[in-house]
Each structure stands twice: as structure tokens, then as C-alpha cells.
Amino acid sequence: MNIHHLLHQRDMLLRQARLANVAYAYQRLGEFAARISRARLCGAVAICPGDPAGEQPWPGMAALEGSQAVIEEHFLDEELVELTDILAFLGEDVRTDRLTLRLEDLADRYLPRLRAELLAAGVTPANTLPASEDSSSRLERP
């Protein structure tokens, strides 16, 4: 492969990389939302950026309503790092600011926008919640 050919393909490769990241974010956020739904987690939480020089160098989630122990029981540190990375990809400033959201609103807040982008690109996303948990019609079926 020569450099001219590679440069010619650059735009297409960037579009495909973005689309792959959108698909990954859609899938993983759907999995997080399904877990939240199964465990009947609800209430406001704050996703806090990590402090590399402090006690917790990785992002964390603090319960603003309900029990912090329940949050810690359902989300590993690695998963919170991944969630923070996904939210940063979606334009949330979670690396420097605290993001407040309701757990039960995670799917409604992010999945429709991701689904729309996938559909616009000709990709039919799979439903992210099992049918028994999707009775509220949060996600449209293709």
C-alpha cells in the first residue's frame, strides 16, 4: 500500500472508526441500562472525575439519593472508568466536571441519539434491553 492510497482512504477510515465507537457506546450503555433495570436501581448519582494526585485516581459514582453501598455493589471501578470514557466520547465533560444524572434515565438520555446515528449510517442496532425489561418502549424496535 502506498501513502497516496492510504491518504485517499483516510476520511472513510475515520468515519468507520467513529461508527464503530458509536456502536460500542450503544451496546455498552444498553448493557448498563439493562443491569440498572434488572436491579431496579434508581435515583440521582454523580459521576465524579478521578483525581490522579488524590485518594481516588479513577472516576467514581456517588449516590445522591439512596445507598452508596448499592452503587458499589453493582458497578466495578473498571466499569465506571469505561462508562466515563463512553460519556466523554458522547460529549459529556466528565473528566473535569461532575456529571449528575438519574440512573433510570441513562437509556433515555443517550441511546436514542446513538440509535439515530447508527440508523442514519444504515446500521440496524440490536435492542439493548431484553423484551421483558423493554415494556416501557424506551427503545424502538427496528
N, C-alpha and C. Protein backbone atom coordinates (compact mmCIF):
# COMPACT_ATOMS: atom_id res chain seq x y z
N MET A 1 0.85 -1.17 0.00
CA MET A 1 0.00 0.00 0.00
C MET A 1 0.90 1.24 0.00
N ASN A 2 0.59 2.18 -0.85
CA ASN A 2 1.40 3.40 -0.87
C ASN A 2 0.70 4.51 -0.08
N ILE A 3 1.44 5.55 0.19
CA ILE A 3 0.95 6.63 1.04
C ILE A 3 -0.24 7.36 0.42
N HIS A 4 -0.26 7.50 -0.88
CA HIS A 4 -1.35 8.19 -1.55
C HIS A 4 -2.66 7.42 -1.39
N HIS A 5 -2.57 6.12 -1.51
CA HIS A 5 -3.75 5.27 -1.34
C HIS A 5 -4.27 5.38 0.10
N LEU A 6 -3.38 5.35 1.06
CA LEU A 6 -3.76 5.45 2.47
C LEU A 6 -4.40 6.81 2.77
N LEU A 7 -3.81 7.87 2.28
CA LEU A 7 -4.37 9.21 2.49
C LEU A 7 -5.74 9.34 1.82
N HIS A 8 -5.90 8.70 0.68
CA HIS A 8 -7.18 8.72 -0.03
C HIS A 8 -8.27 8.04 0.81
N GLN A 9 -7.91 7.04 1.57
CA GLN A 9 -8.86 6.29 2.39
C GLN A 9 -9.07 6.89 3.78
N ARG A 10 -8.33 7.90 4.12
CA ARG A 10 -8.36 8.46 5.48
C ARG A 10 -9.76 8.85 5.94
N ASP A 11 -10.49 9.61 5.14
CA ASP A 11 -11.83 10.06 5.54
C ASP A 11 -12.76 8.87 5.79
N MET A 12 -12.72 7.89 4.90
CA MET A 12 -13.57 6.71 5.08
C MET A 12 -13.19 5.97 6.36
N LEU A 13 -11.91 5.82 6.64
CA LEU A 13 -11.46 5.13 7.85
C LEU A 13 -11.89 5.88 9.11
N LEU A 14 -11.82 7.20 9.08
CA LEU A 14 -12.26 8.00 10.23
C LEU A 14 -13.76 7.84 10.46
N ARG A 15 -14.55 7.82 9.38
CA ARG A 15 -16.00 7.62 9.52
C ARG A 15 -16.30 6.24 10.09
N GLN A 16 -15.58 5.23 9.62
CA GLN A 16 -15.80 3.88 10.12
C GLN A 16 -15.39 3.75 11.59
N ALA A 17 -14.30 4.40 11.97
CA ALA A 17 -13.87 4.36 13.37
C ALA A 17 -14.92 5.03 14.26
N ARG A 18 -15.45 6.16 13.83
CA ARG A 18 -16.50 6.84 14.61
C ARG A 18 -17.73 5.95 14.73
N LEU A 19 -18.13 5.35 13.63
CA LEU A 19 -19.31 4.49 13.64
C LEU A 19 -19.09 3.27 14.55
N ALA A 20 -17.89 2.72 14.54
CA ALA A 20 -17.57 1.60 15.44
C ALA A 20 -17.65 2.05 16.90
N ASN A 21 -17.19 3.24 17.19
CA ASN A 21 -17.27 3.77 18.56
C ASN A 21 -18.72 4.05 18.96
N VAL A 22 -19.53 4.53 18.04
CA VAL A 22 -20.95 4.76 18.32
C VAL A 22 -21.63 3.42 18.61
N ALA A 23 -21.34 2.42 17.80
CA ALA A 23 -21.93 1.09 18.02
C ALA A 23 -21.50 0.52 19.37
N TYR A 24 -20.24 0.67 19.72
CA TYR A 24 -19.75 0.19 21.01
C TYR A 24 -20.44 0.93 22.16
N ALA A 25 -20.55 2.25 22.05
CA ALA A 25 -21.21 3.03 23.09
C ALA A 25 -22.67 2.61 23.23
N TYR A 26 -23.35 2.40 22.11
CA TYR A 26 -24.75 1.97 22.12
C TYR A 26 -24.88 0.62 22.84
N GLN A 27 -24.04 -0.31 22.48
CA GLN A 27 -24.10 -1.65 23.07
C GLN A 27 -23.81 -1.61 24.57
N ARG A 28 -22.72 -0.96 24.96
CA ARG A 28 -22.33 -0.95 26.38
C ARG A 28 -23.30 -0.14 27.24
N LEU A 29 -23.76 1.02 26.76
CA LEU A 29 -24.75 1.77 27.53
C LEU A 29 -26.04 0.98 27.66
N GLY A 30 -26.40 0.24 26.63
CA GLY A 30 -27.58 -0.63 26.72
C GLY A 30 -27.40 -1.71 27.77
N GLU A 31 -26.19 -2.25 27.85
CA GLU A 31 -25.91 -3.26 28.88
C GLU A 31 -25.96 -2.65 30.28
N PHE A 32 -25.41 -1.45 30.43
CA PHE A 32 -25.50 -0.76 31.72
C PHE A 32 -26.97 -0.51 32.07
N ALA A 33 -27.75 -0.01 31.11
CA ALA A 33 -29.16 0.28 31.35
C ALA A 33 -29.93 -0.99 31.71
N ALA A 34 -29.62 -2.10 31.05
CA ALA A 34 -30.30 -3.36 31.37
C ALA A 34 -29.97 -3.81 32.79
N ARG A 35 -28.73 -3.66 33.18
CA ARG A 35 -28.34 -4.02 34.54
C ARG A 35 -29.06 -3.14 35.57
N ILE A 36 -29.12 -1.86 35.28
CA ILE A 36 -29.81 -0.92 36.17
C ILE A 36 -31.28 -1.31 36.28
N SER A 37 -31.90 -1.66 35.16
CA SER A 37 -33.30 -2.05 35.16
C SER A 37 -33.52 -3.36 35.93
N ARG A 38 -32.69 -4.36 35.67
CA ARG A 38 -32.82 -5.65 36.37
C ARG A 38 -32.69 -5.49 37.88
N ALA A 39 -31.75 -4.67 38.30
CA ALA A 39 -31.51 -4.47 39.73
C ALA A 39 -32.46 -3.45 40.34
N ARG A 40 -33.30 -2.85 39.49
CA ARG A 40 -34.25 -1.81 39.93
C ARG A 40 -33.53 -0.66 40.64
N LEU A 41 -32.38 -0.30 40.09
CA LEU A 41 -31.64 0.84 40.64
C LEU A 41 -32.29 2.12 40.14
N CYS A 42 -32.39 3.09 41.00
CA CYS A 42 -32.94 4.37 40.60
C CYS A 42 -32.39 5.45 41.52
N GLY A 43 -32.56 6.66 41.08
CA GLY A 43 -32.12 7.79 41.87
C GLY A 43 -30.97 8.52 41.22
N ALA A 44 -30.73 9.70 41.76
CA ALA A 44 -29.67 10.55 41.23
C ALA A 44 -28.30 10.07 41.69
N VAL A 45 -27.36 10.13 40.77
CA VAL A 45 -25.96 9.82 41.06
C VAL A 45 -25.10 10.91 40.45
N ALA A 46 -23.90 11.02 40.97
CA ALA A 46 -22.92 11.93 40.39
C ALA A 46 -21.74 11.09 39.92
N ILE A 47 -21.38 11.26 38.68
CA ILE A 47 -20.18 10.62 38.16
C ILE A 47 -19.07 11.65 38.30
N CYS A 48 -18.11 11.31 39.13
CA CYS A 48 -17.07 12.26 39.50
C CYS A 48 -15.77 11.90 38.80
N PRO A 49 -15.04 12.90 38.32
CA PRO A 49 -13.76 12.62 37.68
C PRO A 49 -12.76 12.13 38.72
N GLY A 50 -11.83 11.35 38.26
CA GLY A 50 -10.76 10.92 39.16
C GLY A 50 -9.79 12.06 39.42
N ASP A 51 -9.04 11.89 40.49
CA ASP A 51 -8.01 12.87 40.84
C ASP A 51 -6.68 12.13 40.89
N PRO A 52 -5.87 12.21 39.83
CA PRO A 52 -4.63 11.45 39.78
C PRO A 52 -3.72 11.67 40.98
N ALA A 53 -3.79 12.83 41.60
CA ALA A 53 -2.93 13.11 42.74
C ALA A 53 -3.63 12.82 44.07
N GLY A 54 -4.91 12.46 44.03
CA GLY A 54 -5.68 12.26 45.24
C GLY A 54 -5.85 10.80 45.63
N GLU A 55 -6.80 10.58 46.52
CA GLU A 55 -7.07 9.24 47.03
C GLU A 55 -7.64 8.32 45.95
N GLN A 56 -8.45 8.86 45.07
CA GLN A 56 -9.09 8.05 44.04
C GLN A 56 -8.69 8.57 42.66
N PRO A 57 -7.70 7.94 42.05
CA PRO A 57 -7.22 8.44 40.75
C PRO A 57 -8.14 8.09 39.57
N TRP A 58 -9.15 7.28 39.78
CA TRP A 58 -10.07 6.87 38.72
C TRP A 58 -11.44 7.50 38.99
N PRO A 59 -12.28 7.57 37.97
CA PRO A 59 -13.63 8.12 38.15
C PRO A 59 -14.44 7.27 39.12
N GLY A 60 -15.41 7.91 39.74
CA GLY A 60 -16.29 7.21 40.66
C GLY A 60 -17.72 7.65 40.49
N MET A 61 -18.61 6.90 41.13
CA MET A 61 -20.03 7.23 41.10
C MET A 61 -20.50 7.37 42.54
N ALA A 62 -21.09 8.50 42.85
CA ALA A 62 -21.59 8.77 44.20
C ALA A 62 -23.11 8.83 44.17
N ALA A 63 -23.74 8.10 45.08
CA ALA A 63 -25.19 8.14 45.20
C ALA A 63 -25.62 9.47 45.82
N LEU A 64 -26.46 10.20 45.13
CA LEU A 64 -27.03 11.43 45.68
C LEU A 64 -28.36 11.14 46.34
N GLU A 65 -28.95 10.04 45.95
CA GLU A 65 -30.17 9.51 46.55
C GLU A 65 -29.95 8.01 46.74
N GLY A 66 -30.43 7.46 47.82
CA GLY A 66 -30.28 6.04 48.03
C GLY A 66 -28.94 5.70 48.66
N SER A 67 -28.54 4.47 48.48
CA SER A 67 -27.38 3.92 49.18
C SER A 67 -26.12 3.86 48.30
N GLN A 68 -25.03 4.39 48.83
CA GLN A 68 -23.75 4.29 48.14
C GLN A 68 -23.30 2.84 48.05
N ALA A 69 -23.60 2.06 49.08
CA ALA A 69 -23.21 0.64 49.09
C ALA A 69 -23.85 -0.12 47.93
N VAL A 70 -25.08 0.22 47.60
CA VAL A 70 -25.76 -0.44 46.49
C VAL A 70 -25.06 -0.10 45.17
N ILE A 71 -24.67 1.14 45.00
CA ILE A 71 -23.94 1.54 43.79
C ILE A 71 -22.64 0.74 43.70
N GLU A 72 -21.90 0.69 44.79
CA GLU A 72 -20.61 -0.02 44.79
C GLU A 72 -20.79 -1.52 44.57
N GLU A 73 -21.93 -2.05 44.96
CA GLU A 73 -22.21 -3.47 44.76
C GLU A 73 -22.45 -3.79 43.29
N HIS A 74 -22.99 -2.85 42.55
CA HIS A 74 -23.38 -3.10 41.16
C HIS A 74 -22.39 -2.62 40.10
N PHE A 75 -21.43 -1.78 40.47
CA PHE A 75 -20.50 -1.26 39.47
C PHE A 75 -19.07 -1.38 39.96
N LEU A 76 -18.26 -2.09 39.18
CA LEU A 76 -16.83 -2.19 39.48
C LEU A 76 -16.13 -0.90 39.05
N ASP A 77 -14.99 -0.65 39.65
CA ASP A 77 -14.21 0.54 39.28
C ASP A 77 -13.91 0.57 37.79
N GLU A 78 -13.56 -0.59 37.22
CA GLU A 78 -13.24 -0.66 35.80
C GLU A 78 -14.44 -0.30 34.94
N GLU A 79 -15.63 -0.69 35.39
CA GLU A 79 -16.84 -0.37 34.65
C GLU A 79 -17.14 1.13 34.70
N LEU A 80 -16.86 1.75 35.83
CA LEU A 80 -17.07 3.19 35.95
C LEU A 80 -16.09 3.96 35.07
N VAL A 81 -14.88 3.45 34.95
CA VAL A 81 -13.91 4.07 34.03
C VAL A 81 -14.43 3.95 32.60
N GLU A 82 -14.93 2.78 32.24
CA GLU A 82 -15.47 2.58 30.89
C GLU A 82 -16.69 3.47 30.65
N LEU A 83 -17.59 3.55 31.63
CA LEU A 83 -18.77 4.41 31.49
C LEU A 83 -18.35 5.87 31.31
N THR A 84 -17.38 6.30 32.08
CA THR A 84 -16.88 7.67 31.97
C THR A 84 -16.27 7.91 30.59
N ASP A 85 -15.52 6.95 30.08
CA ASP A 85 -14.95 7.08 28.73
C ASP A 85 -16.04 7.20 27.67
N ILE A 86 -17.09 6.39 27.81
CA ILE A 86 -18.19 6.45 26.85
C ILE A 86 -18.89 7.80 26.93
N LEU A 87 -19.16 8.27 28.14
CA LEU A 87 -19.83 9.56 28.30
C LEU A 87 -18.96 10.70 27.77
N ALA A 88 -17.65 10.60 27.93
CA ALA A 88 -16.75 11.61 27.37
C ALA A 88 -16.81 11.57 25.84
N PHE A 89 -16.86 10.39 25.26
CA PHE A 89 -17.00 10.25 23.81
C PHE A 89 -18.29 10.91 23.32
N LEU A 90 -19.32 10.86 24.17
CA LEU A 90 -20.61 11.45 23.80
C LEU A 90 -20.68 12.95 24.08
N GLY A 91 -19.57 13.52 24.53
CA GLY A 91 -19.51 14.96 24.70
C GLY A 91 -19.73 15.46 26.11
N GLU A 92 -19.89 14.56 27.06
CA GLU A 92 -20.04 14.98 28.45
C GLU A 92 -18.66 15.31 29.01
N ASP A 93 -18.57 16.37 29.78
CA ASP A 93 -17.28 16.79 30.35
C ASP A 93 -17.06 16.11 31.70
N VAL A 94 -16.97 14.79 31.69
CA VAL A 94 -16.85 14.03 32.94
C VAL A 94 -15.41 13.93 33.42
N ARG A 95 -14.48 14.34 32.62
CA ARG A 95 -13.08 14.24 33.05
C ARG A 95 -12.66 15.41 33.94
N THR A 96 -13.38 16.53 33.83
CA THR A 96 -13.05 17.69 34.66
C THR A 96 -14.21 18.13 35.55
N ASP A 97 -15.42 17.77 35.17
CA ASP A 97 -16.61 18.18 35.91
C ASP A 97 -17.38 16.96 36.38
N ARG A 98 -18.18 17.19 37.39
CA ARG A 98 -19.06 16.16 37.91
C ARG A 98 -20.32 16.14 37.05
N LEU A 99 -20.77 14.97 36.66
CA LEU A 99 -21.98 14.81 35.87
C LEU A 99 -23.05 14.19 36.76
N THR A 100 -24.20 14.85 36.84
CA THR A 100 -25.30 14.34 37.64
C THR A 100 -26.38 13.80 36.70
N LEU A 101 -26.86 12.60 36.98
CA LEU A 101 -27.94 12.02 36.20
C LEU A 101 -28.72 11.04 37.07
N ARG A 102 -29.88 10.67 36.60
CA ARG A 102 -30.68 9.67 37.28
C ARG A 102 -30.39 8.33 36.62
N LEU A 103 -30.13 7.32 37.41
CA LEU A 103 -29.78 6.01 36.86
C LEU A 103 -30.85 5.49 35.91
N GLU A 104 -32.10 5.64 36.28
CA GLU A 104 -33.19 5.11 35.47
C GLU A 104 -33.34 5.86 34.15
N ASP A 105 -32.70 7.01 34.00
CA ASP A 105 -32.78 7.81 32.76
C ASP A 105 -31.59 7.58 31.82
N LEU A 106 -30.66 6.72 32.19
CA LEU A 106 -29.46 6.52 31.38
C LEU A 106 -29.81 6.15 29.94
N ALA A 107 -30.70 5.16 29.77
CA ALA A 107 -31.07 4.73 28.41
C ALA A 107 -31.74 5.85 27.64
N ASP A 108 -32.73 6.49 28.25
CA ASP A 108 -33.47 7.55 27.55
C ASP A 108 -32.60 8.75 27.21
N ARG A 109 -31.60 8.99 28.00
CA ARG A 109 -30.76 10.17 27.81
C ARG A 109 -29.77 10.01 26.65
N TYR A 110 -29.27 8.79 26.43
CA TYR A 110 -28.20 8.62 25.45
C TYR A 110 -28.52 7.68 24.29
N LEU A 111 -29.27 6.63 24.53
CA LEU A 111 -29.46 5.62 23.49
C LEU A 111 -30.21 6.11 22.26
N PRO A 112 -31.24 6.94 22.38
CA PRO A 112 -31.93 7.38 21.15
C PRO A 112 -31.01 8.12 20.17
N ARG A 113 -30.14 8.96 20.70
CA ARG A 113 -29.21 9.71 19.83
C ARG A 113 -28.23 8.76 19.13
N LEU A 114 -27.72 7.78 19.88
CA LEU A 114 -26.80 6.81 19.30
C LEU A 114 -27.51 5.94 18.27
N ARG A 115 -28.72 5.51 18.61
CA ARG A 115 -29.51 4.69 17.69
C ARG A 115 -29.78 5.46 16.39
N ALA A 116 -30.12 6.73 16.51
CA ALA A 116 -30.40 7.54 15.32
C ALA A 116 -29.16 7.65 14.43
N GLU A 117 -28.00 7.82 15.04
CA GLU A 117 -26.77 7.92 14.25
C GLU A 117 -26.47 6.60 13.54
N LEU A 118 -26.69 5.50 14.24
CA LEU A 118 -26.46 4.19 13.62
C LEU A 118 -27.44 3.97 12.46
N LEU A 119 -28.71 4.27 12.68
CA LEU A 119 -29.71 4.10 11.61
C LEU A 119 -29.40 4.99 10.41
N ALA A 120 -28.96 6.22 10.67
CA ALA A 120 -28.62 7.14 9.57
C ALA A 120 -27.46 6.60 8.74
N ALA A 121 -26.60 5.80 9.37
CA ALA A 121 -25.47 5.22 8.66
C ALA A 121 -25.82 3.87 8.03
N GLY A 122 -27.08 3.46 8.16
CA GLY A 122 -27.51 2.20 7.56
C GLY A 122 -27.26 0.99 8.44
N VAL A 123 -27.00 1.21 9.71
CA VAL A 123 -26.76 0.12 10.66
C VAL A 123 -28.02 -0.07 11.49
N THR A 124 -28.52 -1.30 11.54
CA THR A 124 -29.68 -1.59 12.37
C THR A 124 -29.19 -2.13 13.70
N PRO A 125 -29.28 -1.31 14.75
CA PRO A 125 -28.79 -1.76 16.05
C PRO A 125 -29.73 -2.79 16.67
N ALA A 126 -29.14 -3.71 17.40
CA ALA A 126 -29.93 -4.70 18.14
C ALA A 126 -30.55 -4.00 19.33
N ASN A 127 -31.67 -4.52 19.78
CA ASN A 127 -32.26 -3.99 21.01
C ASN A 127 -31.28 -4.25 22.13
N THR A 128 -31.14 -3.29 23.02
CA THR A 128 -30.17 -3.41 24.10
C THR A 128 -30.77 -3.92 25.39
N LEU A 129 -32.09 -3.89 25.49
CA LEU A 129 -32.74 -4.40 26.70
C LEU A 129 -33.56 -5.62 26.35
N PRO A 130 -33.55 -6.65 27.19
CA PRO A 130 -34.41 -7.80 26.94
C PRO A 130 -35.87 -7.37 26.85
N ALA A 131 -36.66 -8.11 26.11
CA ALA A 131 -38.06 -7.74 25.88
C ALA A 131 -38.82 -7.54 27.18
N SER A 132 -38.56 -8.34 28.20
CA SER A 132 -39.28 -8.20 29.46
C SER A 132 -38.94 -6.90 30.16
N GLU A 133 -37.80 -6.32 29.88
CA GLU A 133 -37.41 -5.07 30.50
C GLU A 133 -37.69 -3.88 29.61
N ASP A 134 -38.13 -4.15 28.38
CA ASP A 134 -38.34 -3.08 27.42
C ASP A 134 -39.82 -2.74 27.28
N SER A 135 -40.63 -3.11 28.27
CA SER A 135 -42.06 -2.89 28.17
C SER A 135 -42.42 -1.41 28.15
N SER A 136 -41.53 -0.56 28.62
CA SER A 136 -41.81 0.87 28.61
C SER A 136 -41.56 1.49 27.24
N SER A 137 -41.15 0.68 26.28
CA SER A 137 -40.87 1.13 24.91
C SER A 137 -39.82 2.22 24.87
N ARG A 138 -38.82 2.11 25.70
CA ARG A 138 -37.74 3.09 25.68
C ARG A 138 -37.00 3.05 24.36
N LEU A 139 -36.83 1.86 23.81
CA LEU A 139 -36.12 1.71 22.55
C LEU A 139 -37.10 1.24 21.49
N GLU A 140 -37.04 1.86 20.35
CA GLU A 140 -37.89 1.42 19.26
C GLU A 140 -37.33 0.15 18.68
N ARG A 141 -38.19 -0.72 18.30
CA ARG A 141 -37.75 -1.94 17.61
C ARG A 141 -37.65 -1.65 16.12
N PRO A 142 -36.63 -2.22 15.48
CA PRO A 142 -36.49 -1.96 14.04
C PRO A 142 -37.63 -2.55 13.24
